[in-house]
Amino acid sequence: MKIKYLKLKNWLLVTLGGLLGINLVGCEKIFNTACEYGTPEATYHVIGTVTNAEGQPIPGIGVGRYITWDEETDTLRSAGYHDTTDTDGRYSVTYNYWFPGSDIDIDFHDIDNAENGNYIDTVVTVKTKDVPRSGGDGHWNEGSAVITQDVVMKEKTYK
C-alpha cells in the first residue's frame, strides 16, 4: 500500500511540475535537487598563479575540471582540464554556475611529467558565497565576478 502511495505521489508531483513548466527529473543526479527552467546562474572567472613552496612559478600545470557523470559508478568525475599554467605560472578558468554562491572545486594537476619538477595533485575550494557580482539582468542572470586564487603546490618526495 505504501509503495502505491509513493508512486502516486511521485506521478502527481511530476505531472504538476510539467504543467507549471518545472523539470523535476532533469539534473537531480548532479545537484541532488530538482532543476527548473530559469534557475539563477552566475559566471565566475577564476584567475591566479601556481607556485612551489619557494614562490617560483610552475608552468605546465593542468587547471580546472570538466564534470561528467560516470554511469558505471553512479558518481561525478573529473574528465579533463580547462587551462594549463603559462611560463609565469598564471592560469584562467571560467565557470557558469546554475546555483550562484556554490563553492567551486578546482583541480591542479602536474601534466608535464618531470619537466618542471613533480608536484602533488591539489584540489582548491574557491568560495563564491560572498563574492560581489556585476552585470546581471536583475532576474535569473546574477552577473559575473572575477576571483583571484593563488595556489602553492608541494613537490613529490620519493623515498
N, C-alpha and C. Protein backbone atom coordinates (compact mmCIF):
# COMPACT_ATOMS: atom_id res chain seq x y z
N MET A 1 0.82 -1.19 0.00
CA MET A 1 0.00 0.00 0.00
C MET A 1 0.87 1.26 0.00
N LYS A 2 1.94 1.25 0.83
CA LYS A 2 2.81 2.41 0.94
C LYS A 2 3.52 2.70 -0.40
N ILE A 3 3.93 1.64 -1.11
CA ILE A 3 4.61 1.82 -2.39
C ILE A 3 3.65 2.44 -3.41
N LYS A 4 2.41 1.99 -3.45
CA LYS A 4 1.43 2.55 -4.38
C LYS A 4 1.22 4.03 -4.08
N TYR A 5 1.18 4.39 -2.79
CA TYR A 5 1.00 5.79 -2.40
C TYR A 5 2.19 6.62 -2.88
N LEU A 6 3.41 6.12 -2.70
CA LEU A 6 4.60 6.86 -3.11
C LEU A 6 4.65 7.02 -4.63
N LYS A 7 4.28 5.97 -5.37
CA LYS A 7 4.25 6.07 -6.83
C LYS A 7 3.23 7.10 -7.29
N LEU A 8 2.06 7.11 -6.65
CA LEU A 8 1.03 8.08 -6.98
C LEU A 8 1.50 9.49 -6.66
N LYS A 9 2.13 9.66 -5.50
CA LYS A 9 2.65 10.97 -5.09
C LYS A 9 3.69 11.46 -6.10
N ASN A 10 4.64 10.60 -6.49
CA ASN A 10 5.66 10.98 -7.46
C ASN A 10 5.04 11.34 -8.80
N TRP A 11 4.06 10.55 -9.25
CA TRP A 11 3.39 10.82 -10.51
C TRP A 11 2.70 12.18 -10.46
N LEU A 12 2.01 12.48 -9.36
CA LEU A 12 1.33 13.76 -9.21
C LEU A 12 2.32 14.93 -9.22
N LEU A 13 3.46 14.77 -8.54
CA LEU A 13 4.47 15.83 -8.49
C LEU A 13 5.06 16.09 -9.88
N VAL A 14 5.39 15.03 -10.60
CA VAL A 14 5.96 15.19 -11.94
C VAL A 14 4.93 15.81 -12.87
N THR A 15 3.68 15.37 -12.80
CA THR A 15 2.63 15.92 -13.65
C THR A 15 2.40 17.40 -13.33
N LEU A 16 2.30 17.74 -12.06
CA LEU A 16 2.12 19.13 -11.66
C LEU A 16 3.31 19.98 -12.10
N GLY A 17 4.51 19.45 -11.91
CA GLY A 17 5.71 20.17 -12.36
C GLY A 17 5.70 20.41 -13.85
N GLY A 18 5.28 19.40 -14.62
CA GLY A 18 5.20 19.55 -16.07
C GLY A 18 4.20 20.62 -16.49
N LEU A 19 3.08 20.66 -15.79
CA LEU A 19 2.07 21.67 -16.11
C LEU A 19 2.56 23.08 -15.78
N LEU A 20 3.41 23.19 -14.77
CA LEU A 20 3.93 24.50 -14.36
C LEU A 20 5.23 24.85 -15.07
N GLY A 21 5.73 23.95 -15.92
CA GLY A 21 6.97 24.21 -16.65
C GLY A 21 8.21 23.92 -15.83
N ILE A 22 8.08 23.07 -14.85
CA ILE A 22 9.22 22.73 -13.99
C ILE A 22 9.69 21.33 -14.33
N ASN A 23 10.99 21.18 -14.60
CA ASN A 23 11.55 19.87 -14.89
C ASN A 23 12.01 19.25 -13.58
N LEU A 24 11.34 18.22 -13.12
CA LEU A 24 11.67 17.61 -11.84
C LEU A 24 12.57 16.39 -11.97
N VAL A 25 13.02 16.06 -13.17
CA VAL A 25 13.83 14.86 -13.32
C VAL A 25 15.12 15.10 -14.08
N GLY A 26 15.38 16.32 -14.53
CA GLY A 26 16.49 16.57 -15.44
C GLY A 26 17.87 16.44 -14.87
N CYS A 27 18.16 17.01 -13.70
CA CYS A 27 19.54 17.01 -13.26
C CYS A 27 19.68 16.72 -11.77
N GLU A 28 18.75 15.98 -11.21
CA GLU A 28 18.84 15.70 -9.79
C GLU A 28 20.03 14.80 -9.46
N LYS A 29 20.51 14.01 -10.42
CA LYS A 29 21.69 13.19 -10.17
C LYS A 29 22.90 14.07 -9.88
N ILE A 30 23.02 15.16 -10.59
CA ILE A 30 24.19 16.01 -10.44
C ILE A 30 24.06 16.93 -9.23
N PHE A 31 22.90 17.53 -9.02
CA PHE A 31 22.76 18.53 -7.98
C PHE A 31 21.97 18.06 -6.77
N ASN A 32 21.47 16.83 -6.77
CA ASN A 32 20.65 16.30 -5.70
C ASN A 32 19.46 17.21 -5.40
N THR A 33 18.93 17.82 -6.40
CA THR A 33 17.77 18.68 -6.26
C THR A 33 17.09 18.77 -7.62
N ALA A 34 15.91 19.28 -7.64
CA ALA A 34 15.20 19.45 -8.91
C ALA A 34 15.68 20.72 -9.58
N CYS A 35 15.91 20.66 -10.88
CA CYS A 35 16.28 21.84 -11.64
C CYS A 35 15.04 22.33 -12.36
N GLU A 36 14.88 23.62 -12.40
CA GLU A 36 13.72 24.15 -13.10
C GLU A 36 14.19 25.12 -14.17
N TYR A 37 13.35 25.32 -15.13
CA TYR A 37 13.64 26.29 -16.18
C TYR A 37 13.79 27.65 -15.52
N GLY A 38 14.87 28.36 -15.87
CA GLY A 38 15.06 29.68 -15.32
C GLY A 38 15.80 29.69 -14.00
N THR A 39 16.58 28.68 -13.71
CA THR A 39 17.35 28.63 -12.48
C THR A 39 18.38 29.75 -12.48
N PRO A 40 18.56 30.47 -11.36
CA PRO A 40 19.57 31.53 -11.33
C PRO A 40 20.95 31.00 -11.69
N GLU A 41 21.72 31.84 -12.39
CA GLU A 41 23.07 31.45 -12.74
C GLU A 41 23.99 32.65 -12.67
N ALA A 42 25.27 32.36 -12.51
CA ALA A 42 26.30 33.40 -12.50
C ALA A 42 27.55 32.83 -13.14
N THR A 43 28.41 33.72 -13.62
CA THR A 43 29.67 33.32 -14.24
C THR A 43 30.81 33.77 -13.33
N TYR A 44 31.72 32.84 -13.07
CA TYR A 44 32.89 33.14 -12.25
C TYR A 44 34.15 32.94 -13.08
N HIS A 45 34.99 33.97 -13.16
CA HIS A 45 36.29 33.89 -13.81
C HIS A 45 37.31 33.76 -12.69
N VAL A 46 37.96 32.62 -12.61
CA VAL A 46 38.95 32.39 -11.56
C VAL A 46 40.32 32.49 -12.20
N ILE A 47 41.14 33.39 -11.65
CA ILE A 47 42.48 33.62 -12.16
C ILE A 47 43.47 33.49 -11.01
N GLY A 48 44.72 33.25 -11.34
CA GLY A 48 45.72 33.19 -10.28
C GLY A 48 47.04 32.68 -10.80
N THR A 49 47.91 32.40 -9.85
CA THR A 49 49.25 31.91 -10.14
C THR A 49 49.50 30.66 -9.33
N VAL A 50 50.16 29.68 -9.95
CA VAL A 50 50.54 28.45 -9.27
C VAL A 50 52.05 28.51 -9.04
N THR A 51 52.45 28.36 -7.78
CA THR A 51 53.86 28.41 -7.42
C THR A 51 54.23 27.21 -6.57
N ASN A 52 55.56 27.02 -6.41
CA ASN A 52 56.05 25.99 -5.49
C ASN A 52 56.27 26.63 -4.12
N ALA A 53 56.76 25.85 -3.17
CA ALA A 53 56.95 26.34 -1.79
C ALA A 53 57.94 27.49 -1.72
N GLU A 54 58.85 27.59 -2.69
CA GLU A 54 59.82 28.69 -2.71
C GLU A 54 59.29 29.93 -3.41
N GLY A 55 58.06 29.88 -3.90
CA GLY A 55 57.46 31.02 -4.57
C GLY A 55 57.77 31.11 -6.05
N GLN A 56 58.39 30.09 -6.61
CA GLN A 56 58.70 30.07 -8.04
C GLN A 56 57.48 29.60 -8.82
N PRO A 57 57.16 30.28 -9.94
CA PRO A 57 56.01 29.86 -10.75
C PRO A 57 56.22 28.47 -11.36
N ILE A 58 55.12 27.73 -11.50
CA ILE A 58 55.19 26.38 -12.07
C ILE A 58 54.41 26.37 -13.38
N PRO A 59 55.11 26.30 -14.52
CA PRO A 59 54.40 26.16 -15.80
C PRO A 59 53.97 24.71 -16.01
N GLY A 60 53.01 24.49 -16.90
CA GLY A 60 52.62 23.13 -17.28
C GLY A 60 51.74 22.41 -16.27
N ILE A 61 50.97 23.15 -15.48
CA ILE A 61 50.04 22.53 -14.54
C ILE A 61 48.64 22.60 -15.15
N GLY A 62 47.95 21.46 -15.23
CA GLY A 62 46.57 21.43 -15.72
C GLY A 62 45.65 22.00 -14.65
N VAL A 63 44.73 22.89 -15.06
CA VAL A 63 43.88 23.60 -14.11
C VAL A 63 42.42 23.45 -14.51
N GLY A 64 41.56 23.18 -13.53
CA GLY A 64 40.12 23.13 -13.76
C GLY A 64 39.61 21.72 -13.76
N ARG A 65 38.36 21.59 -14.15
CA ARG A 65 37.79 20.26 -14.28
C ARG A 65 36.55 20.30 -15.14
N TYR A 66 36.42 19.29 -15.95
CA TYR A 66 35.18 19.07 -16.66
C TYR A 66 34.41 18.06 -15.83
N ILE A 67 33.21 18.38 -15.44
CA ILE A 67 32.41 17.48 -14.63
C ILE A 67 31.57 16.60 -15.54
N THR A 68 31.64 15.31 -15.32
CA THR A 68 30.80 14.38 -16.06
C THR A 68 30.19 13.40 -15.08
N TRP A 69 29.15 12.73 -15.51
CA TRP A 69 28.50 11.73 -14.68
C TRP A 69 28.98 10.35 -15.13
N ASP A 70 29.55 9.58 -14.21
CA ASP A 70 30.02 8.23 -14.50
C ASP A 70 28.88 7.26 -14.22
N GLU A 71 28.24 6.79 -15.28
CA GLU A 71 27.08 5.90 -15.13
C GLU A 71 27.45 4.59 -14.44
N GLU A 72 28.66 4.10 -14.70
CA GLU A 72 29.07 2.82 -14.13
C GLU A 72 29.18 2.87 -12.61
N THR A 73 29.74 3.96 -12.08
CA THR A 73 29.90 4.08 -10.63
C THR A 73 28.85 4.97 -9.99
N ASP A 74 27.99 5.61 -10.83
CA ASP A 74 26.93 6.50 -10.36
C ASP A 74 27.50 7.64 -9.52
N THR A 75 28.60 8.24 -10.01
CA THR A 75 29.24 9.34 -9.30
C THR A 75 29.69 10.42 -10.29
N LEU A 76 29.98 11.59 -9.75
CA LEU A 76 30.59 12.64 -10.56
C LEU A 76 32.06 12.34 -10.70
N ARG A 77 32.65 12.72 -11.85
CA ARG A 77 34.09 12.54 -12.00
C ARG A 77 34.66 13.65 -12.87
N SER A 78 35.94 13.87 -12.70
CA SER A 78 36.65 14.87 -13.48
C SER A 78 37.15 14.21 -14.76
N ALA A 79 36.99 14.90 -15.89
CA ALA A 79 37.35 14.27 -17.15
C ALA A 79 38.32 15.10 -17.99
N GLY A 80 38.89 16.16 -17.46
CA GLY A 80 39.81 16.94 -18.27
C GLY A 80 40.10 18.29 -17.64
N TYR A 81 40.93 19.07 -18.31
CA TYR A 81 41.35 20.35 -17.78
C TYR A 81 41.01 21.48 -18.73
N HIS A 82 40.65 22.64 -18.16
CA HIS A 82 40.26 23.81 -18.94
C HIS A 82 41.46 24.63 -19.39
N ASP A 83 42.52 24.65 -18.62
CA ASP A 83 43.64 25.53 -18.90
C ASP A 83 44.93 24.87 -18.40
N THR A 84 46.05 25.41 -18.85
CA THR A 84 47.36 24.98 -18.39
C THR A 84 48.12 26.24 -18.00
N THR A 85 48.85 26.19 -16.89
CA THR A 85 49.59 27.37 -16.48
C THR A 85 50.65 27.72 -17.51
N ASP A 86 50.86 29.04 -17.70
CA ASP A 86 51.85 29.51 -18.66
C ASP A 86 53.24 29.52 -18.02
N THR A 87 54.21 30.11 -18.70
CA THR A 87 55.59 30.11 -18.20
C THR A 87 55.74 30.89 -16.90
N ASP A 88 54.79 31.78 -16.60
CA ASP A 88 54.81 32.54 -15.34
C ASP A 88 53.90 31.92 -14.28
N GLY A 89 53.38 30.71 -14.56
CA GLY A 89 52.51 30.02 -13.60
C GLY A 89 51.09 30.54 -13.55
N ARG A 90 50.71 31.42 -14.48
CA ARG A 90 49.37 32.01 -14.47
C ARG A 90 48.34 31.09 -15.14
N TYR A 91 47.11 31.18 -14.65
CA TYR A 91 46.01 30.42 -15.25
C TYR A 91 44.74 31.26 -15.22
N SER A 92 43.75 30.84 -15.98
CA SER A 92 42.45 31.49 -16.02
C SER A 92 41.40 30.46 -16.44
N VAL A 93 40.39 30.26 -15.61
CA VAL A 93 39.29 29.35 -15.95
C VAL A 93 37.97 30.07 -15.69
N THR A 94 36.95 29.69 -16.44
CA THR A 94 35.64 30.30 -16.31
C THR A 94 34.60 29.23 -16.08
N TYR A 95 33.71 29.47 -15.11
CA TYR A 95 32.64 28.53 -14.78
C TYR A 95 31.31 29.26 -14.81
N ASN A 96 30.31 28.67 -15.44
CA ASN A 96 28.93 29.16 -15.37
C ASN A 96 28.21 28.25 -14.38
N TYR A 97 27.72 28.83 -13.30
CA TYR A 97 27.08 28.04 -12.25
C TYR A 97 25.59 28.34 -12.19
N TRP A 98 24.79 27.27 -12.13
CA TRP A 98 23.34 27.41 -12.02
C TRP A 98 22.92 27.90 -10.65
N PHE A 99 23.67 27.58 -9.64
CA PHE A 99 23.31 27.96 -8.29
C PHE A 99 24.40 28.87 -7.73
N PRO A 100 24.33 30.19 -8.01
CA PRO A 100 25.37 31.10 -7.55
C PRO A 100 25.58 31.00 -6.04
N GLY A 101 26.81 31.14 -5.64
CA GLY A 101 27.15 31.02 -4.23
C GLY A 101 27.66 29.65 -3.87
N SER A 102 27.60 28.69 -4.82
CA SER A 102 28.15 27.35 -4.57
C SER A 102 29.67 27.42 -4.65
N ASP A 103 30.34 26.64 -3.81
CA ASP A 103 31.79 26.58 -3.88
C ASP A 103 32.23 25.90 -5.17
N ILE A 104 33.41 26.27 -5.66
CA ILE A 104 33.97 25.68 -6.87
C ILE A 104 35.23 24.93 -6.49
N ASP A 105 35.27 23.64 -6.73
CA ASP A 105 36.47 22.85 -6.52
C ASP A 105 37.27 22.83 -7.82
N ILE A 106 38.53 23.25 -7.74
CA ILE A 106 39.38 23.29 -8.92
C ILE A 106 40.57 22.37 -8.71
N ASP A 107 40.82 21.51 -9.70
CA ASP A 107 41.96 20.58 -9.66
C ASP A 107 43.19 21.24 -10.26
N PHE A 108 44.33 21.01 -9.64
CA PHE A 108 45.62 21.43 -10.18
C PHE A 108 46.45 20.17 -10.29
N HIS A 109 46.82 19.82 -11.52
CA HIS A 109 47.44 18.52 -11.78
C HIS A 109 48.71 18.72 -12.62
N ASP A 110 49.80 18.12 -12.17
CA ASP A 110 51.08 18.20 -12.88
C ASP A 110 51.01 17.32 -14.11
N ILE A 111 50.88 17.93 -15.29
CA ILE A 111 50.69 17.15 -16.52
C ILE A 111 51.90 17.16 -17.43
N ASP A 112 52.99 17.82 -17.02
CA ASP A 112 54.15 17.92 -17.91
C ASP A 112 55.25 16.91 -17.56
N ASN A 113 54.89 15.85 -16.88
CA ASN A 113 55.85 14.85 -16.42
C ASN A 113 56.86 15.51 -15.50
N ALA A 114 58.12 15.25 -15.65
CA ALA A 114 59.12 15.79 -14.72
C ALA A 114 59.80 17.04 -15.26
N GLU A 115 59.30 17.59 -16.34
CA GLU A 115 59.95 18.72 -16.99
C GLU A 115 60.20 19.89 -16.04
N ASN A 116 59.23 20.24 -15.21
CA ASN A 116 59.38 21.35 -14.26
C ASN A 116 59.28 20.89 -12.82
N GLY A 117 59.67 19.66 -12.56
CA GLY A 117 59.53 19.08 -11.22
C GLY A 117 58.29 18.22 -11.16
N ASN A 118 58.15 17.48 -10.09
CA ASN A 118 56.98 16.62 -9.88
C ASN A 118 56.20 17.16 -8.69
N TYR A 119 54.93 17.46 -8.91
CA TYR A 119 54.12 18.08 -7.87
C TYR A 119 52.90 17.22 -7.54
N ILE A 120 52.49 17.30 -6.29
CA ILE A 120 51.33 16.55 -5.79
C ILE A 120 50.06 17.22 -6.31
N ASP A 121 49.15 16.43 -6.86
CA ASP A 121 47.87 16.97 -7.32
C ASP A 121 47.19 17.68 -6.15
N THR A 122 46.58 18.82 -6.45
CA THR A 122 45.99 19.66 -5.41
C THR A 122 44.58 20.05 -5.83
N VAL A 123 43.64 20.00 -4.90
CA VAL A 123 42.29 20.49 -5.14
C VAL A 123 42.07 21.68 -4.21
N VAL A 124 41.66 22.80 -4.80
CA VAL A 124 41.41 24.02 -4.04
C VAL A 124 39.93 24.36 -4.14
N THR A 125 39.32 24.68 -3.00
CA THR A 125 37.92 25.09 -2.99
C THR A 125 37.86 26.61 -3.00
N VAL A 126 37.24 27.14 -4.05
CA VAL A 126 37.08 28.58 -4.20
C VAL A 126 35.70 28.95 -3.65
N LYS A 127 35.68 29.81 -2.66
CA LYS A 127 34.42 30.24 -2.04
C LYS A 127 33.80 31.36 -2.88
N THR A 128 32.52 31.24 -3.21
CA THR A 128 31.85 32.24 -4.04
C THR A 128 30.67 32.90 -3.34
N LYS A 129 30.34 32.45 -2.15
CA LYS A 129 29.11 32.89 -1.47
C LYS A 129 29.03 34.41 -1.32
N ASP A 130 30.06 35.05 -0.83
CA ASP A 130 30.01 36.48 -0.56
C ASP A 130 30.75 37.32 -1.60
N VAL A 131 31.05 36.72 -2.76
CA VAL A 131 31.76 37.45 -3.81
C VAL A 131 30.77 38.33 -4.55
N PRO A 132 31.02 39.66 -4.60
CA PRO A 132 30.10 40.53 -5.33
C PRO A 132 30.17 40.28 -6.83
N ARG A 133 28.98 40.24 -7.46
CA ARG A 133 28.89 40.03 -8.90
C ARG A 133 28.34 41.29 -9.54
N SER A 134 28.65 41.50 -10.81
CA SER A 134 28.13 42.66 -11.51
C SER A 134 27.60 42.25 -12.88
N GLY A 135 26.74 43.11 -13.44
CA GLY A 135 26.26 42.89 -14.80
C GLY A 135 25.08 41.97 -14.95
N GLY A 136 24.43 41.57 -13.89
CA GLY A 136 23.27 40.70 -14.01
C GLY A 136 22.08 41.44 -14.57
N ASP A 137 21.04 40.69 -14.96
CA ASP A 137 19.86 41.32 -15.54
C ASP A 137 18.77 41.58 -14.51
N GLY A 138 19.04 41.29 -13.24
CA GLY A 138 18.05 41.51 -12.20
C GLY A 138 17.03 40.39 -12.08
N HIS A 139 17.18 39.37 -12.91
CA HIS A 139 16.27 38.22 -12.86
C HIS A 139 17.09 36.96 -12.60
N TRP A 140 17.17 36.07 -13.60
CA TRP A 140 17.86 34.80 -13.40
C TRP A 140 19.37 34.92 -13.61
N ASN A 141 19.82 35.88 -14.40
CA ASN A 141 21.26 36.07 -14.60
C ASN A 141 21.77 36.97 -13.49
N GLU A 142 22.57 36.41 -12.59
CA GLU A 142 23.08 37.16 -11.45
C GLU A 142 24.44 37.77 -11.72
N GLY A 143 24.85 37.84 -12.98
CA GLY A 143 26.07 38.54 -13.34
C GLY A 143 27.31 37.69 -13.29
N SER A 144 28.46 38.37 -13.16
CA SER A 144 29.74 37.66 -13.16
C SER A 144 30.68 38.29 -12.14
N ALA A 145 31.71 37.54 -11.82
CA ALA A 145 32.71 38.02 -10.87
C ALA A 145 34.07 37.45 -11.25
N VAL A 146 35.11 38.18 -10.91
CA VAL A 146 36.48 37.70 -11.08
C VAL A 146 37.01 37.39 -9.68
N ILE A 147 37.53 36.18 -9.53
CA ILE A 147 38.07 35.75 -8.24
C ILE A 147 39.54 35.39 -8.44
N THR A 148 40.41 35.94 -7.61
CA THR A 148 41.83 35.60 -7.67
C THR A 148 42.11 34.51 -6.65
N GLN A 149 42.69 33.41 -7.11
CA GLN A 149 43.01 32.28 -6.24
C GLN A 149 44.41 31.80 -6.58
N ASP A 150 45.38 32.20 -5.77
CA ASP A 150 46.75 31.72 -5.95
C ASP A 150 46.91 30.38 -5.24
N VAL A 151 47.76 29.52 -5.81
CA VAL A 151 47.90 28.15 -5.30
C VAL A 151 49.37 27.83 -5.13
N VAL A 152 49.69 27.18 -4.02
CA VAL A 152 51.05 26.68 -3.79
C VAL A 152 50.98 25.15 -3.84
N MET A 153 51.77 24.56 -4.73
CA MET A 153 51.79 23.09 -4.86
C MET A 153 53.04 22.54 -4.20
N LYS A 154 52.88 21.39 -3.55
CA LYS A 154 54.01 20.73 -2.89
C LYS A 154 54.67 19.75 -3.84
N GLU A 155 56.01 19.70 -3.77
CA GLU A 155 56.74 18.74 -4.59
C GLU A 155 56.58 17.34 -4.05
N LYS A 156 56.53 16.37 -4.98
CA LYS A 156 56.51 14.96 -4.58
C LYS A 156 57.89 14.60 -4.06
N THR A 157 57.88 13.84 -3.00
CA THR A 157 59.16 13.32 -2.48
C THR A 157 59.17 11.83 -2.65
N TYR A 158 60.30 11.31 -3.06
CA TYR A 158 60.43 9.87 -3.29
C TYR A 158 61.41 9.31 -2.29
N LYS A 159 61.08 8.17 -1.71
CA LYS A 159 61.97 7.54 -0.73
C LYS A 159 62.59 6.30 -1.31
